Amino acid sequence: MKTTYWIGHTIFRAAAKAFFRYQVVGRDKLVQSGSVLIASNHESFLDPPLVGIAYDDDVFYLARKTLFRGPCSWLYPRWNAIPVDQDAPDMSSLKRIVKILRGGERVVVFPEGARTLDGKLQPGEAGVGLIAVKSQALIQPVRIFGAREALPRGSGRLRFYPITIVVGEAMVLTAKERNAKGRAAYQAISDRIMVGIAQIKHPSDQ
């Protein structure tokens, strides 16, 4: 693990435990090696590091291109952030994500694209299905609970609310999905990933 990444990982994990009573449920289900596309719901700006610190080793993240400014243009790449233009996605970013996955790394994605406003899951975007097909990576669904209450979309006020990451069963593309082509087919894979996330329940609801 790179030094700058490790420092950030250590600080954020300690802070998450201290202020949000952060816990990971189903840690034994986490795939710890090989190419893994980590698919999570999206509740808050806190989500990327909250998912990342569930792992003991480093993972890669997608981040808005506009965030790579000033000191962040130096820091974010060292935190394994990959710049993505959400308004005009380009093939170079997609190819880089696929290359990282094919290299045996783990990449965190949020299929919904944007943070939820009401806490409900939103439809996934076809691009995640495309990444899954091109990379042939294993898919690890996880679900975040409490991040929206801690820092909801549109708010600058942080609340010390309990946050839990629940890990779902890993998903493998079917033979048909591995050879999928076209937006409709990619969307169907994204939809299946979202179903996998939706099936993950908070421990109190089980």
C-alpha atoms as a PDB file:
ATOM      1  CA  MET A   1       0.000   0.000   0.000  1.00  0.00           C
ATOM      2  CA  LYS A   2       1.393   3.394  -0.974  1.00  0.00           C
ATOM      3  CA  THR A   3       2.393   5.675   1.905  1.00  0.00           C
ATOM      4  CA  THR A   4      -0.033   8.522   1.160  1.00  0.00           C
ATOM      5  CA  TYR A   5      -2.892   6.070   0.632  1.00  0.00           C
ATOM      6  CA  TRP A   6      -2.015   4.198   3.827  1.00  0.00           C
ATOM      7  CA  ILE A   7      -1.972   7.416   5.888  1.00  0.00           C
ATOM      8  CA  GLY A   8      -5.387   8.458   4.569  1.00  0.00           C
ATOM      9  CA  HIS A   9      -6.766   4.928   5.029  1.00  0.00           C
ATOM     10  CA  THR A  10      -5.563   4.778   8.635  1.00  0.00           C
ATOM     11  CA  ILE A  11      -6.869   8.221   9.579  1.00  0.00           C
ATOM     12  CA  PHE A  12     -10.268   7.778   7.961  1.00  0.00           C
ATOM     13  CA  ARG A  13     -10.793   4.297   9.407  1.00  0.00           C
ATOM     14  CA  ALA A  14      -9.977   5.556  12.896  1.00  0.00           C
ATOM     15  CA  ALA A  15     -12.254   8.591  12.473  1.00  0.00           C
ATOM     16  CA  ALA A  16     -15.093   6.469  11.071  1.00  0.00           C
ATOM     17  CA  LYS A  17     -14.953   4.150  14.063  1.00  0.00           C
ATOM     18  CA  ALA A  18     -14.702   6.999  16.556  1.00  0.00           C
ATOM     19  CA  PHE A  19     -17.398   9.293  15.168  1.00  0.00           C
ATOM     20  CA  PHE A  20     -19.749   6.986  13.244  1.00  0.00           C
ATOM     21  CA  ARG A  21     -19.354   3.693  15.112  1.00  0.00           C
ATOM     22  CA  TYR A  22     -18.370   2.306  11.720  1.00  0.00           C
ATOM     23  CA  GLN A  23     -18.669  -1.440  11.280  1.00  0.00           C
ATOM     24  CA  VAL A  24     -18.525  -3.945   8.446  1.00  0.00           C
ATOM     25  CA  VAL A  25     -21.028  -6.802   8.526  1.00  0.00           C
ATOM     26  CA  GLY A  26     -20.201  -9.876   6.452  1.00  0.00           C
ATOM     27  CA  ARG A  27     -16.504  -9.069   6.152  1.00  0.00           C
ATOM     28  CA  ASP A  28     -15.832 -12.751   5.469  1.00  0.00           C
ATOM     29  CA  LYS A  29     -17.651 -12.322   2.145  1.00  0.00           C
ATOM     30  CA  LEU A  30     -15.200  -9.699   0.897  1.00  0.00           C
ATOM     31  CA  VAL A  31     -13.130 -10.989  -1.998  1.00  0.00           C
ATOM     32  CA  GLN A  32      -9.606 -10.057  -0.976  1.00  0.00           C
ATOM     33  CA  SER A  33      -7.693 -10.815  -4.171  1.00  0.00           C
ATOM     34  CA  GLY A  34      -8.044 -10.709  -7.921  1.00  0.00           C
ATOM     35  CA  SER A  35     -10.112  -8.448 -10.160  1.00  0.00           C
ATOM     36  CA  VAL A  36     -13.149  -7.185  -8.252  1.00  0.00           C
ATOM     37  CA  LEU A  37     -15.726  -4.595  -9.260  1.00  0.00           C
ATOM     38  CA  ILE A  38     -17.069  -3.347  -5.917  1.00  0.00           C
ATOM     39  CA  ALA A  39     -20.610  -2.068  -6.515  1.00  0.00           C
ATOM     40  CA  SER A  40     -22.247   0.047  -3.818  1.00  0.00           C
ATOM     41  CA  ASN A  41     -25.296   2.204  -3.312  1.00  0.00           C
ATOM     42  CA  HIS A  42     -24.591   5.933  -3.146  1.00  0.00           C
ATOM     43  CA  GLU A  43     -25.804   7.964  -0.152  1.00  0.00           C
ATOM     44  CA  SER A  44     -23.165  10.568   0.606  1.00  0.00           C
ATOM     45  CA  PHE A  45     -19.834  12.183  -0.231  1.00  0.00           C
ATOM     46  CA  LEU A  46     -18.487   9.917   2.511  1.00  0.00           C
ATOM     47  CA  ASP A  47     -19.242   6.752   0.534  1.00  0.00           C
ATOM     48  CA  PRO A  48     -15.956   6.148  -1.364  1.00  0.00           C
ATOM     49  CA  PRO A  49     -13.658   6.055   1.676  1.00  0.00           C
ATOM     50  CA  LEU A  50     -16.326   4.263   3.740  1.00  0.00           C
ATOM     51  CA  VAL A  51     -16.278   1.408   1.237  1.00  0.00           C
ATOM     52  CA  GLY A  52     -12.512   1.542   0.778  1.00  0.00           C
ATOM     53  CA  ILE A  53     -11.645   1.178   4.457  1.00  0.00           C
ATOM     54  CA  ALA A  54     -13.616  -2.058   4.607  1.00  0.00           C
ATOM     55  CA  TYR A  55     -10.546  -3.529   2.903  1.00  0.00           C
ATOM     56  CA  ASP A  56      -7.117  -3.809   4.480  1.00  0.00           C
ATOM     57  CA  ASP A  57      -5.395  -3.278   1.133  1.00  0.00           C
ATOM     58  CA  ASP A  58      -5.842  -0.442  -1.331  1.00  0.00           C
ATOM     59  CA  VAL A  59      -8.685  -0.117  -3.812  1.00  0.00           C
ATOM     60  CA  PHE A  60      -9.354   2.297  -6.664  1.00  0.00           C
ATOM     61  CA  TYR A  61     -12.172   4.834  -6.867  1.00  0.00           C
ATOM     62  CA  LEU A  62     -13.956   6.861  -9.519  1.00  0.00           C
ATOM     63  CA  ALA A  63     -14.124  10.599  -8.798  1.00  0.00           C
ATOM     64  CA  ARG A  64     -15.550  13.579 -10.614  1.00  0.00           C
ATOM     65  CA  LYS A  65     -12.993  15.227 -12.848  1.00  0.00           C
ATOM     66  CA  THR A  66     -13.862  18.643 -11.377  1.00  0.00           C
ATOM     67  CA  LEU A  67     -12.515  17.554  -7.982  1.00  0.00           C
ATOM     68  CA  PHE A  68      -8.959  17.306  -9.312  1.00  0.00           C
ATOM     69  CA  ARG A  69      -8.048  20.921  -8.643  1.00  0.00           C
ATOM     70  CA  GLY A  70      -5.460  22.634  -6.470  1.00  0.00           C
ATOM     71  CA  PRO A  71      -3.953  20.366  -3.794  1.00  0.00           C
ATOM     72  CA  CYS A  72      -6.482  17.655  -4.729  1.00  0.00           C
ATOM     73  CA  SER A  73      -4.856  17.298  -8.159  1.00  0.00           C
ATOM     74  CA  TRP A  74      -1.838  15.920  -6.274  1.00  0.00           C
ATOM     75  CA  LEU A  75      -3.640  14.099  -3.463  1.00  0.00           C
ATOM     76  CA  TYR A  76      -6.481  12.295  -5.252  1.00  0.00           C
ATOM     77  CA  PRO A  77      -4.304  10.269  -7.649  1.00  0.00           C
ATOM     78  CA  ARG A  78      -2.288   9.095  -4.639  1.00  0.00           C
ATOM     79  CA  TRP A  79      -5.553   7.962  -3.087  1.00  0.00           C
ATOM     80  CA  ASN A  80      -6.156   5.858  -6.211  1.00  0.00           C
ATOM     81  CA  ALA A  81      -8.896   8.145  -7.522  1.00  0.00           C
ATOM     82  CA  ILE A  82      -9.628   7.940 -11.252  1.00  0.00           C
ATOM     83  CA  PRO A  83     -11.002  11.176 -12.790  1.00  0.00           C
ATOM     84  CA  VAL A  84     -14.279  10.743 -14.668  1.00  0.00           C
ATOM     85  CA  ASP A  85     -16.286  13.366 -16.543  1.00  0.00           C
ATOM     86  CA  GLN A  86     -19.873  12.599 -15.526  1.00  0.00           C
ATOM     87  CA  ASP A  87     -21.322  15.071 -18.035  1.00  0.00           C
ATOM     88  CA  ALA A  88     -19.404  13.693 -21.006  1.00  0.00           C
ATOM     89  CA  PRO A  89     -17.951  10.234 -20.240  1.00  0.00           C
ATOM     90  CA  ASP A  90     -14.973   9.449 -22.468  1.00  0.00           C
ATOM     91  CA  MET A  91     -13.488   6.160 -23.608  1.00  0.00           C
ATOM     92  CA  SER A  92     -10.070   6.929 -22.135  1.00  0.00           C
ATOM     93  CA  SER A  93     -11.463   6.814 -18.571  1.00  0.00           C
ATOM     94  CA  LEU A  94     -13.367   3.618 -19.333  1.00  0.00           C
ATOM     95  CA  LYS A  95     -10.270   1.973 -20.804  1.00  0.00           C
ATOM     96  CA  ARG A  96      -8.228   2.953 -17.767  1.00  0.00           C
ATOM     97  CA  ILE A  97     -10.811   1.471 -15.371  1.00  0.00           C
ATOM     98  CA  VAL A  98     -10.954  -1.761 -17.368  1.00  0.00           C
ATOM     99  CA  LYS A  99      -7.153  -1.937 -17.524  1.00  0.00           C
ATOM    100  CA  ILE A 100      -6.897  -1.551 -13.739  1.00  0.00           C
ATOM    101  CA  LEU A 101      -9.443  -4.314 -13.208  1.00  0.00           C
ATOM    102  CA  ARG A 102      -7.763  -6.618 -15.701  1.00  0.00           C
ATOM    103  CA  GLY A 103      -4.546  -6.019 -13.797  1.00  0.00           C
ATOM    104  CA  GLY A 104      -6.046  -7.779 -10.798  1.00  0.00           C
ATOM    105  CA  GLU A 105      -7.071  -4.707  -8.791  1.00  0.00           C
ATOM    106  CA  ARG A 106     -10.327  -3.707  -7.083  1.00  0.00           C
ATOM    107  CA  VAL A 107     -12.378  -0.710  -8.207  1.00  0.00           C
ATOM    108  CA  VAL A 108     -15.280   0.880  -6.314  1.00  0.00           C
ATOM    109  CA  VAL A 109     -18.212   2.012  -8.472  1.00  0.00           C
ATOM    110  CA  PHE A 110     -21.615   3.469  -7.683  1.00  0.00           C
ATOM    111  CA  PRO A 111     -24.012   2.119 -10.340  1.00  0.00           C
ATOM    112  CA  GLU A 112     -26.635   4.775  -9.516  1.00  0.00           C
ATOM    113  CA  GLY A 113     -24.223   7.488 -10.595  1.00  0.00           C
ATOM    114  CA  ALA A 114     -25.563  10.203  -8.294  1.00  0.00           C
ATOM    115  CA  ARG A 115     -26.220  10.299  -4.554  1.00  0.00           C
ATOM    116  CA  THR A 116     -29.753   9.513  -3.470  1.00  0.00           C
ATOM    117  CA  LEU A 117     -31.963  12.365  -2.276  1.00  0.00           C
ATOM    118  CA  ASP A 118     -34.532  10.322  -0.356  1.00  0.00           C
ATOM    119  CA  GLY A 119     -32.512   7.301   0.739  1.00  0.00           C
ATOM    120  CA  LYS A 120     -34.125   4.991  -1.793  1.00  0.00           C
ATOM    121  CA  LEU A 121     -32.082   3.027  -4.319  1.00  0.00           C
ATOM    122  CA  GLN A 122     -32.039   4.501  -7.816  1.00  0.00           C
ATOM    123  CA  PRO A 123     -31.738   2.663 -11.154  1.00  0.00           C
ATOM    124  CA  GLY A 124     -28.223   1.684 -12.139  1.00  0.00           C
ATOM    125  CA  GLU A 125     -26.525   3.083 -15.223  1.00  0.00           C
ATOM    126  CA  ALA A 126     -25.602   0.976 -18.245  1.00  0.00           C
ATOM    127  CA  GLY A 127     -21.948   2.014 -18.015  1.00  0.00           C
ATOM    128  CA  VAL A 128     -21.385  -0.225 -15.005  1.00  0.00           C
ATOM    129  CA  GLY A 129     -22.607  -3.202 -16.994  1.00  0.00           C
ATOM    130  CA  LEU A 130     -20.189  -2.249 -19.760  1.00  0.00           C
ATOM    131  CA  ILE A 131     -17.281  -2.124 -17.317  1.00  0.00           C
ATOM    132  CA  ALA A 132     -18.271  -5.522 -15.910  1.00  0.00           C
ATOM    133  CA  VAL A 133     -18.297  -7.093 -19.380  1.00  0.00           C
ATOM    134  CA  LYS A 134     -15.079  -5.507 -20.626  1.00  0.00           C
ATOM    135  CA  SER A 135     -13.159  -6.351 -17.463  1.00  0.00           C
ATOM    136  CA  GLN A 136     -14.756  -9.766 -16.769  1.00  0.00           C
ATOM    137  CA  ALA A 137     -14.232  -8.954 -13.095  1.00  0.00           C
ATOM    138  CA  LEU A 138     -16.002 -10.536 -10.169  1.00  0.00           C
ATOM    139  CA  ILE A 139     -18.709  -8.260  -8.799  1.00  0.00           C
ATOM    140  CA  GLN A 140     -18.839  -7.554  -5.060  1.00  0.00           C
ATOM    141  CA  PRO A 141     -22.112  -5.877  -4.009  1.00  0.00           C
ATOM    142  CA  VAL A 142     -22.044  -3.889  -0.778  1.00  0.00           C
ATOM    143  CA  ARG A 143     -24.584  -1.586   0.810  1.00  0.00           C
ATOM    144  CA  ILE A 144     -24.047   1.462   2.978  1.00  0.00           C
ATOM    145  CA  PHE A 145     -26.441   2.292   5.784  1.00  0.00           C
ATOM    146  CA  GLY A 146     -26.338   5.571   7.710  1.00  0.00           C
ATOM    147  CA  ALA A 147     -24.122   7.699   5.456  1.00  0.00           C
ATOM    148  CA  ARG A 148     -27.080   9.747   4.229  1.00  0.00           C
ATOM    149  CA  GLU A 149     -28.047  10.551   7.795  1.00  0.00           C
ATOM    150  CA  ALA A 150     -24.444  11.491   8.563  1.00  0.00           C
ATOM    151  CA  LEU A 151     -24.006  13.759   5.523  1.00  0.00           C
ATOM    152  CA  PRO A 152     -26.990  13.962   3.145  1.00  0.00           C
ATOM    153  CA  ARG A 153     -26.780  15.295  -0.374  1.00  0.00           C
ATOM    154  CA  GLY A 154     -26.943  19.073  -0.443  1.00  0.00           C
ATOM    155  CA  SER A 155     -25.918  19.471   3.186  1.00  0.00           C
ATOM    156  CA  GLY A 156     -22.658  20.751   4.590  1.00  0.00           C
ATOM    157  CA  ARG A 157     -23.500  19.688   8.109  1.00  0.00           C
ATOM    158  CA  LEU A 158     -21.903  16.492   9.386  1.00  0.00           C
ATOM    159  CA  ARG A 159     -23.811  14.434  11.957  1.00  0.00           C
ATOM    160  CA  PHE A 160     -22.313  11.688  14.087  1.00  0.00           C
ATOM    161  CA  TYR A 161     -24.664   8.931  12.984  1.00  0.00           C
ATOM    162  CA  PRO A 162     -23.885   5.177  13.065  1.00  0.00           C
ATOM    163  CA  ILE A 163     -22.687   3.868   9.689  1.00  0.00           C
ATOM    164  CA  THR A 164     -22.688   0.225   8.681  1.00  0.00           C
ATOM    165  CA  ILE A 165     -21.340  -1.457   5.558  1.00  0.00           C
ATOM    166  CA  VAL A 166     -23.036  -4.771   4.793  1.00  0.00           C
ATOM    167  CA  VAL A 167     -21.323  -7.102   2.324  1.00  0.00           C
ATOM    168  CA  GLY A 168     -23.388  -9.205  -0.086  1.00  0.00           C
ATOM    169  CA  GLU A 169     -22.576 -12.413  -1.902  1.00  0.00           C
ATOM    170  CA  ALA A 170     -20.139 -12.019  -4.791  1.00  0.00           C
ATOM    171  CA  MET A 171     -21.677 -12.156  -8.262  1.00  0.00           C
ATOM    172  CA  VAL A 172     -20.247 -13.763 -11.376  1.00  0.00           C
ATOM    173  CA  LEU A 173     -21.283 -12.881 -14.922  1.00  0.00           C
ATOM    174  CA  THR A 174     -23.112 -15.662 -16.733  1.00  0.00           C
ATOM    175  CA  ALA A 175     -21.732 -17.027 -20.003  1.00  0.00           C
ATOM    176  CA  LYS A 176     -24.312 -14.950 -21.865  1.00  0.00           C
ATOM    177  CA  GLU A 177     -23.435 -11.809 -19.911  1.00  0.00           C
ATOM    178  CA  ARG A 178     -19.698 -12.254 -20.490  1.00  0.00           C
ATOM    179  CA  ASN A 179     -20.355 -11.941 -24.226  1.00  0.00           C
ATOM    180  CA  ALA A 180     -22.977  -9.202 -23.946  1.00  0.00           C
ATOM    181  CA  LYS A 181     -22.991  -6.330 -26.426  1.00  0.00           C
ATOM    182  CA  GLY A 182     -25.117  -3.230 -26.728  1.00  0.00           C
ATOM    183  CA  ARG A 183     -26.627  -0.773 -24.296  1.00  0.00           C
ATOM    184  CA  ALA A 184     -29.696  -2.887 -23.501  1.00  0.00           C
ATOM    185  CA  ALA A 185     -27.529  -5.853 -22.514  1.00  0.00           C
ATOM    186  CA  TYR A 186     -25.238  -3.670 -20.379  1.00  0.00           C
ATOM    187  CA  GLN A 187     -28.284  -2.128 -18.718  1.00  0.00           C
ATOM    188  CA  ALA A 188     -29.637  -5.575 -17.873  1.00  0.00           C
ATOM    189  CA  ILE A 189     -26.364  -6.426 -16.106  1.00  0.00           C
ATOM    190  CA  SER A 190     -26.461  -3.140 -14.192  1.00  0.00           C
ATOM    191  CA  ASP A 191     -30.051  -3.904 -13.195  1.00  0.00           C
ATOM    192  CA  ARG A 192     -28.985  -7.305 -11.860  1.00  0.00           C
ATOM    193  CA  ILE A 193     -26.217  -5.669  -9.846  1.00  0.00           C
ATOM    194  CA  MET A 194     -28.740  -3.249  -8.340  1.00  0.00           C
ATOM    195  CA  VAL A 195     -30.987  -6.183  -7.417  1.00  0.00           C
ATOM    196  CA  GLY A 196     -27.997  -7.710  -5.622  1.00  0.00           C
ATOM    197  CA  ILE A 197     -27.491  -4.487  -3.677  1.00  0.00           C
ATOM    198  CA  ALA A 198     -31.209  -4.192  -2.886  1.00  0.00           C
ATOM    199  CA  GLN A 199     -31.225  -7.688  -1.405  1.00  0.00           C
ATOM    200  CA  ILE A 200     -28.666  -6.662   1.198  1.00  0.00           C
ATOM    201  CA  LYS A 201     -30.428  -5.798   4.446  1.00  0.00           C
ATOM    202  CA  HIS A 202     -29.348  -3.973   7.570  1.00  0.00           C
ATOM    203  CA  PRO A 203     -28.562  -6.385  10.428  1.00  0.00           C
ATOM    204  CA  SER A 204     -31.521  -5.006  12.394  1.00  0.00           C
ATOM    205  CA  ASP A 205     -33.892  -5.998   9.589  1.00  0.00           C
ATOM    206  CA  GLN A 206     -32.649  -9.568   9.258  1.00  0.00           C
END
